[in-house]
Protein backbone atom coordinates (compact mmCIF):
# COMPACT_ATOMS: atom_id res chain seq x y z
CA UNK A 1 0.00 0.00 0.00
CA UNK A 2 2.88 2.34 0.77
CA UNK A 3 4.46 1.82 -2.65
CA UNK A 4 1.25 2.67 -4.50
CA UNK A 5 0.89 5.80 -2.35
CA UNK A 6 4.41 6.88 -3.32
CA UNK A 7 3.70 6.13 -7.00
CA UNK A 8 0.54 8.25 -6.84
CA UNK A 9 2.52 11.04 -5.20
CA UNK A 10 5.18 10.91 -7.93
CA UNK A 11 2.48 10.84 -10.62
CA UNK A 12 0.72 13.84 -9.06
CA UNK A 13 4.02 15.72 -8.78
CA UNK A 14 4.81 15.07 -12.46
CA UNK A 15 1.39 16.39 -13.48
CA UNK A 16 1.82 19.50 -11.34
CA UNK A 17 5.32 20.06 -12.73
CA UNK A 18 4.07 19.74 -16.32
CA UNK A 19 1.25 22.22 -15.69
CA UNK A 20 3.64 24.67 -14.04
CA UNK A 21 6.18 24.28 -16.85
CA UNK A 22 3.54 24.85 -19.53
CA UNK A 23 2.26 27.99 -17.80
CA UNK A 24 5.82 29.31 -17.46
CA UNK A 25 6.38 28.55 -21.15
CA UNK A 26 3.19 30.44 -22.11
CA UNK A 27 4.27 33.44 -20.03
CA UNK A 28 7.72 33.26 -21.63
CA UNK A 29 6.22 33.21 -25.14
CA UNK A 30 3.92 36.12 -24.28
CA UNK A 31 6.83 38.17 -22.96
CA UNK A 32 8.86 37.42 -26.12
CA UNK A 33 5.90 38.53 -28.24
CA UNK A 34 5.49 41.76 -26.26
CA UNK A 35 9.22 42.42 -26.57
CA UNK A 36 8.91 41.99 -30.34
CA UNK A 37 5.99 44.42 -30.40
CA UNK A 38 7.97 46.97 -28.40
CA UNK A 39 10.92 46.51 -30.75
CA UNK A 40 8.70 47.05 -33.80
CA UNK A 41 7.13 50.09 -32.14
CA UNK A 42 10.54 51.64 -31.36
CA UNK A 43 11.73 50.93 -34.89
CA UNK A 44 8.59 52.50 -36.35
CA UNK A 45 8.95 55.58 -34.13
CA UNK A 46 12.60 56.03 -35.09
CA UNK A 47 11.75 55.85 -38.78
CA UNK A 48 8.83 58.19 -38.23
CA UNK A 49 10.80 60.85 -36.36
CA UNK A 50 13.89 60.76 -38.56
CA UNK A 51 12.99 59.24 -41.95
CA UNK A 52 15.94 57.97 -43.94
């Protein structure tokens, strides 16, 4: 009975770790996307204020 309890605990921990990792990955992708938007915005503003 103890072994199955430990197996369930490990299984639960893996599920929790996967969920946490996926949420971190989503946040990471969102931050990369927002950084790209900021970069595009800065580039656009620079070209707007001093056109080449």
